[in-house]
């Protein structure tokens, strides 16, 4: 699935595609959360803050403590800023 994610994004349509990939993964894993893509890509603080707060709670509730190497998982791809 990470092969479909664009890590070095700079354009809004790339952000949209990445958020749609996230939404598809949530649906596949039966996570009942709608990703507010259009609001998130606009970059407004409040929308992004609310989503990241939800995601932190979701992560904490589901992370099993296993090791994870993010650089290896994304095949060494650099991350955009």
N, C-alpha and C. Protein backbone atom coordinates (compact mmCIF):
# COMPACT_ATOMS: atom_id res chain seq x y z
N UNK A 1 0.83 -1.19 0.00
CA UNK A 1 0.00 0.00 0.00
C UNK A 1 0.87 1.25 0.00
N UNK A 2 1.99 1.24 0.71
CA UNK A 2 2.84 2.43 0.75
C UNK A 2 3.45 2.76 -0.60
N UNK A 3 3.46 1.80 -1.50
CA UNK A 3 3.98 2.07 -2.84
C UNK A 3 3.13 3.09 -3.59
N UNK A 4 1.87 3.22 -3.20
CA UNK A 4 0.96 4.17 -3.86
C UNK A 4 1.04 5.57 -3.26
N UNK A 5 1.70 5.71 -2.12
CA UNK A 5 1.79 7.01 -1.44
C UNK A 5 2.94 7.81 -2.03
N UNK A 6 2.68 9.08 -2.29
CA UNK A 6 3.73 9.99 -2.75
C UNK A 6 4.27 10.71 -1.53
N UNK A 7 5.54 10.45 -1.20
CA UNK A 7 6.12 11.00 0.02
C UNK A 7 6.68 12.40 -0.17
N UNK A 8 7.17 12.71 -1.33
CA UNK A 8 7.78 14.01 -1.58
C UNK A 8 6.79 14.89 -2.33
N UNK A 9 5.69 15.23 -1.68
CA UNK A 9 4.61 15.97 -2.33
C UNK A 9 4.78 17.47 -2.17
N UNK A 10 4.36 18.18 -3.20
CA UNK A 10 4.40 19.64 -3.16
C UNK A 10 3.12 20.25 -3.72
N UNK A 11 2.31 19.45 -4.37
CA UNK A 11 1.12 19.95 -5.05
C UNK A 11 -0.16 19.43 -4.40
N UNK A 12 -1.19 20.26 -4.44
CA UNK A 12 -2.45 19.92 -3.78
C UNK A 12 -3.03 18.61 -4.29
N UNK A 13 -2.98 18.35 -5.60
CA UNK A 13 -3.56 17.11 -6.11
C UNK A 13 -2.81 15.88 -5.59
N UNK A 14 -1.52 16.03 -5.26
CA UNK A 14 -0.77 14.92 -4.67
C UNK A 14 -1.22 14.69 -3.22
N UNK A 15 -1.47 15.77 -2.50
CA UNK A 15 -1.98 15.64 -1.13
C UNK A 15 -3.33 14.92 -1.15
N UNK A 16 -4.18 15.32 -2.09
CA UNK A 16 -5.51 14.73 -2.21
C UNK A 16 -5.40 13.23 -2.46
N UNK A 17 -4.53 12.83 -3.38
CA UNK A 17 -4.35 11.41 -3.67
C UNK A 17 -3.89 10.64 -2.43
N UNK A 18 -2.96 11.22 -1.68
CA UNK A 18 -2.48 10.54 -0.47
C UNK A 18 -3.58 10.39 0.57
N UNK A 19 -4.38 11.43 0.77
CA UNK A 19 -5.48 11.32 1.73
C UNK A 19 -6.52 10.32 1.25
N UNK A 20 -6.74 10.23 -0.04
CA UNK A 20 -7.67 9.23 -0.57
C UNK A 20 -7.14 7.82 -0.34
N UNK A 21 -5.83 7.65 -0.43
CA UNK A 21 -5.22 6.35 -0.13
C UNK A 21 -5.45 6.00 1.35
N UNK A 22 -5.29 7.00 2.22
CA UNK A 22 -5.54 6.79 3.64
C UNK A 22 -6.99 6.38 3.88
N UNK A 23 -7.92 7.07 3.23
CA UNK A 23 -9.35 6.75 3.37
C UNK A 23 -9.63 5.33 2.89
N UNK A 24 -9.02 4.94 1.78
CA UNK A 24 -9.22 3.58 1.26
C UNK A 24 -8.70 2.54 2.25
N UNK A 25 -7.57 2.82 2.88
CA UNK A 25 -7.04 1.89 3.89
C UNK A 25 -7.95 1.81 5.10
N UNK A 26 -8.49 2.95 5.53
CA UNK A 26 -9.43 2.94 6.64
C UNK A 26 -10.65 2.08 6.30
N UNK A 27 -11.17 2.24 5.10
CA UNK A 27 -12.34 1.45 4.69
C UNK A 27 -12.01 -0.03 4.66
N UNK A 28 -10.83 -0.37 4.13
CA UNK A 28 -10.41 -1.77 4.04
C UNK A 28 -10.28 -2.40 5.43
N UNK A 29 -9.84 -1.59 6.41
CA UNK A 29 -9.65 -2.08 7.77
C UNK A 29 -10.89 -1.86 8.65
N UNK A 30 -12.00 -1.45 8.03
CA UNK A 30 -13.28 -1.21 8.73
C UNK A 30 -13.17 -0.14 9.81
N UNK A 31 -12.36 0.89 9.54
CA UNK A 31 -12.25 2.03 10.44
C UNK A 31 -13.33 3.02 10.04
N UNK A 32 -14.21 3.31 10.97
CA UNK A 32 -15.36 4.17 10.68
C UNK A 32 -14.99 5.65 10.88
N UNK A 33 -14.18 6.16 9.96
CA UNK A 33 -13.76 7.56 10.03
C UNK A 33 -13.70 8.10 8.61
N UNK A 34 -14.38 9.19 8.39
CA UNK A 34 -14.30 9.87 7.09
C UNK A 34 -13.15 10.86 7.16
N UNK A 35 -12.22 10.77 6.23
CA UNK A 35 -11.12 11.72 6.17
C UNK A 35 -11.61 12.96 5.43
N UNK A 36 -11.64 14.11 6.10
CA UNK A 36 -12.13 15.34 5.45
C UNK A 36 -11.08 15.90 4.49
N UNK A 37 -10.88 15.22 3.38
CA UNK A 37 -9.79 15.51 2.45
C UNK A 37 -9.78 16.97 2.01
N UNK A 38 -10.89 17.46 1.52
CA UNK A 38 -10.93 18.82 0.99
C UNK A 38 -10.56 19.85 2.06
N UNK A 39 -10.97 19.61 3.29
CA UNK A 39 -10.64 20.55 4.36
C UNK A 39 -9.17 20.43 4.77
N UNK A 40 -8.65 19.22 4.81
CA UNK A 40 -7.26 19.02 5.24
C UNK A 40 -6.25 19.60 4.26
N UNK A 41 -6.51 19.45 2.96
CA UNK A 41 -5.53 19.95 1.99
C UNK A 41 -5.47 21.46 1.93
N UNK A 42 -6.47 22.12 2.47
CA UNK A 42 -6.44 23.59 2.50
C UNK A 42 -5.44 24.10 3.53
N UNK A 43 -5.04 23.24 4.45
CA UNK A 43 -4.00 23.58 5.41
C UNK A 43 -4.42 24.46 6.57
N UNK A 44 -5.72 24.55 6.83
CA UNK A 44 -6.17 25.36 7.97
C UNK A 44 -5.85 24.62 9.27
N UNK A 45 -5.35 25.39 10.21
CA UNK A 45 -4.88 24.81 11.47
C UNK A 45 -5.96 23.97 12.16
N UNK A 46 -7.12 24.52 12.37
CA UNK A 46 -8.15 23.85 13.17
C UNK A 46 -8.55 22.50 12.58
N UNK A 47 -8.76 22.45 11.27
CA UNK A 47 -9.14 21.19 10.62
C UNK A 47 -8.05 20.13 10.79
N UNK A 48 -6.80 20.52 10.56
CA UNK A 48 -5.69 19.58 10.68
C UNK A 48 -5.45 19.19 12.13
N UNK A 49 -5.60 20.13 13.05
CA UNK A 49 -5.42 19.85 14.47
C UNK A 49 -6.45 18.83 14.96
N UNK A 50 -7.70 19.01 14.58
CA UNK A 50 -8.75 18.07 14.98
C UNK A 50 -8.49 16.68 14.42
N UNK A 51 -8.04 16.60 13.17
CA UNK A 51 -7.78 15.30 12.57
C UNK A 51 -6.59 14.62 13.25
N UNK A 52 -5.54 15.38 13.51
CA UNK A 52 -4.36 14.77 14.13
C UNK A 52 -4.65 14.36 15.58
N UNK A 53 -5.53 15.08 16.27
CA UNK A 53 -5.94 14.65 17.61
C UNK A 53 -6.68 13.32 17.54
N UNK A 54 -7.59 13.19 16.58
CA UNK A 54 -8.30 11.92 16.42
C UNK A 54 -7.31 10.81 16.07
N UNK A 55 -6.39 11.09 15.15
CA UNK A 55 -5.44 10.07 14.71
C UNK A 55 -4.54 9.62 15.86
N UNK A 56 -4.14 10.52 16.71
CA UNK A 56 -3.31 10.16 17.87
C UNK A 56 -4.07 9.21 18.80
N UNK A 57 -5.34 9.50 19.06
CA UNK A 57 -6.15 8.60 19.89
C UNK A 57 -6.30 7.23 19.21
N UNK A 58 -6.54 7.24 17.91
CA UNK A 58 -6.67 6.00 17.14
C UNK A 58 -5.38 5.18 17.21
N UNK A 59 -4.25 5.85 16.98
CA UNK A 59 -2.96 5.18 17.03
C UNK A 59 -2.70 4.58 18.40
N UNK A 60 -2.88 5.37 19.44
CA UNK A 60 -2.64 4.89 20.81
C UNK A 60 -3.51 3.68 21.15
N UNK A 61 -4.73 3.66 20.65
CA UNK A 61 -5.64 2.55 20.93
C UNK A 61 -5.29 1.29 20.15
N UNK A 62 -4.56 1.42 19.05
CA UNK A 62 -4.33 0.27 18.16
C UNK A 62 -2.88 -0.18 18.03
N UNK A 63 -1.94 0.63 18.45
CA UNK A 63 -0.53 0.28 18.30
C UNK A 63 -0.14 -0.77 19.31
N UNK A 64 0.45 -1.85 18.83
CA UNK A 64 0.82 -2.96 19.70
C UNK A 64 2.24 -2.91 20.23
N UNK A 65 2.99 -1.85 19.92
CA UNK A 65 4.34 -1.72 20.43
C UNK A 65 5.41 -2.39 19.58
N UNK A 66 5.03 -2.96 18.45
CA UNK A 66 5.98 -3.64 17.59
C UNK A 66 6.97 -2.63 16.97
N UNK A 67 8.17 -3.13 16.63
CA UNK A 67 9.17 -2.28 15.99
C UNK A 67 8.67 -1.83 14.62
N UNK A 68 9.08 -0.63 14.24
CA UNK A 68 8.68 -0.08 12.95
C UNK A 68 9.78 0.83 12.45
N UNK A 69 10.24 0.59 11.24
CA UNK A 69 11.28 1.40 10.61
C UNK A 69 10.64 2.16 9.45
N UNK A 70 10.27 3.43 9.65
CA UNK A 70 9.55 4.18 8.62
C UNK A 70 10.36 4.38 7.34
N UNK A 71 11.67 4.57 7.45
CA UNK A 71 12.49 4.77 6.26
C UNK A 71 12.48 3.51 5.40
N UNK A 72 12.63 2.37 6.04
CA UNK A 72 12.59 1.10 5.32
C UNK A 72 11.20 0.84 4.74
N UNK A 73 10.16 1.15 5.49
CA UNK A 73 8.78 0.92 5.04
C UNK A 73 8.46 1.70 3.78
N UNK A 74 9.02 2.90 3.64
CA UNK A 74 8.75 3.69 2.44
C UNK A 74 9.85 3.55 1.39
N UNK A 75 10.70 2.54 1.56
CA UNK A 75 11.72 2.25 0.56
C UNK A 75 12.79 3.32 0.44
N UNK A 76 13.07 4.03 1.53
CA UNK A 76 14.10 5.06 1.52
C UNK A 76 13.68 6.37 0.88
N UNK A 77 12.42 6.47 0.47
CA UNK A 77 11.93 7.70 -0.15
C UNK A 77 12.05 8.88 0.80
N UNK A 78 12.52 10.04 0.31
CA UNK A 78 12.52 11.23 1.17
C UNK A 78 11.10 11.72 1.39
N UNK A 79 10.91 12.46 2.46
CA UNK A 79 9.59 12.99 2.80
C UNK A 79 9.57 14.47 2.44
N UNK A 80 8.47 14.92 1.81
CA UNK A 80 8.34 16.33 1.43
C UNK A 80 8.13 17.22 2.63
N UNK A 81 8.39 18.50 2.42
CA UNK A 81 8.19 19.47 3.50
C UNK A 81 7.16 20.49 3.10
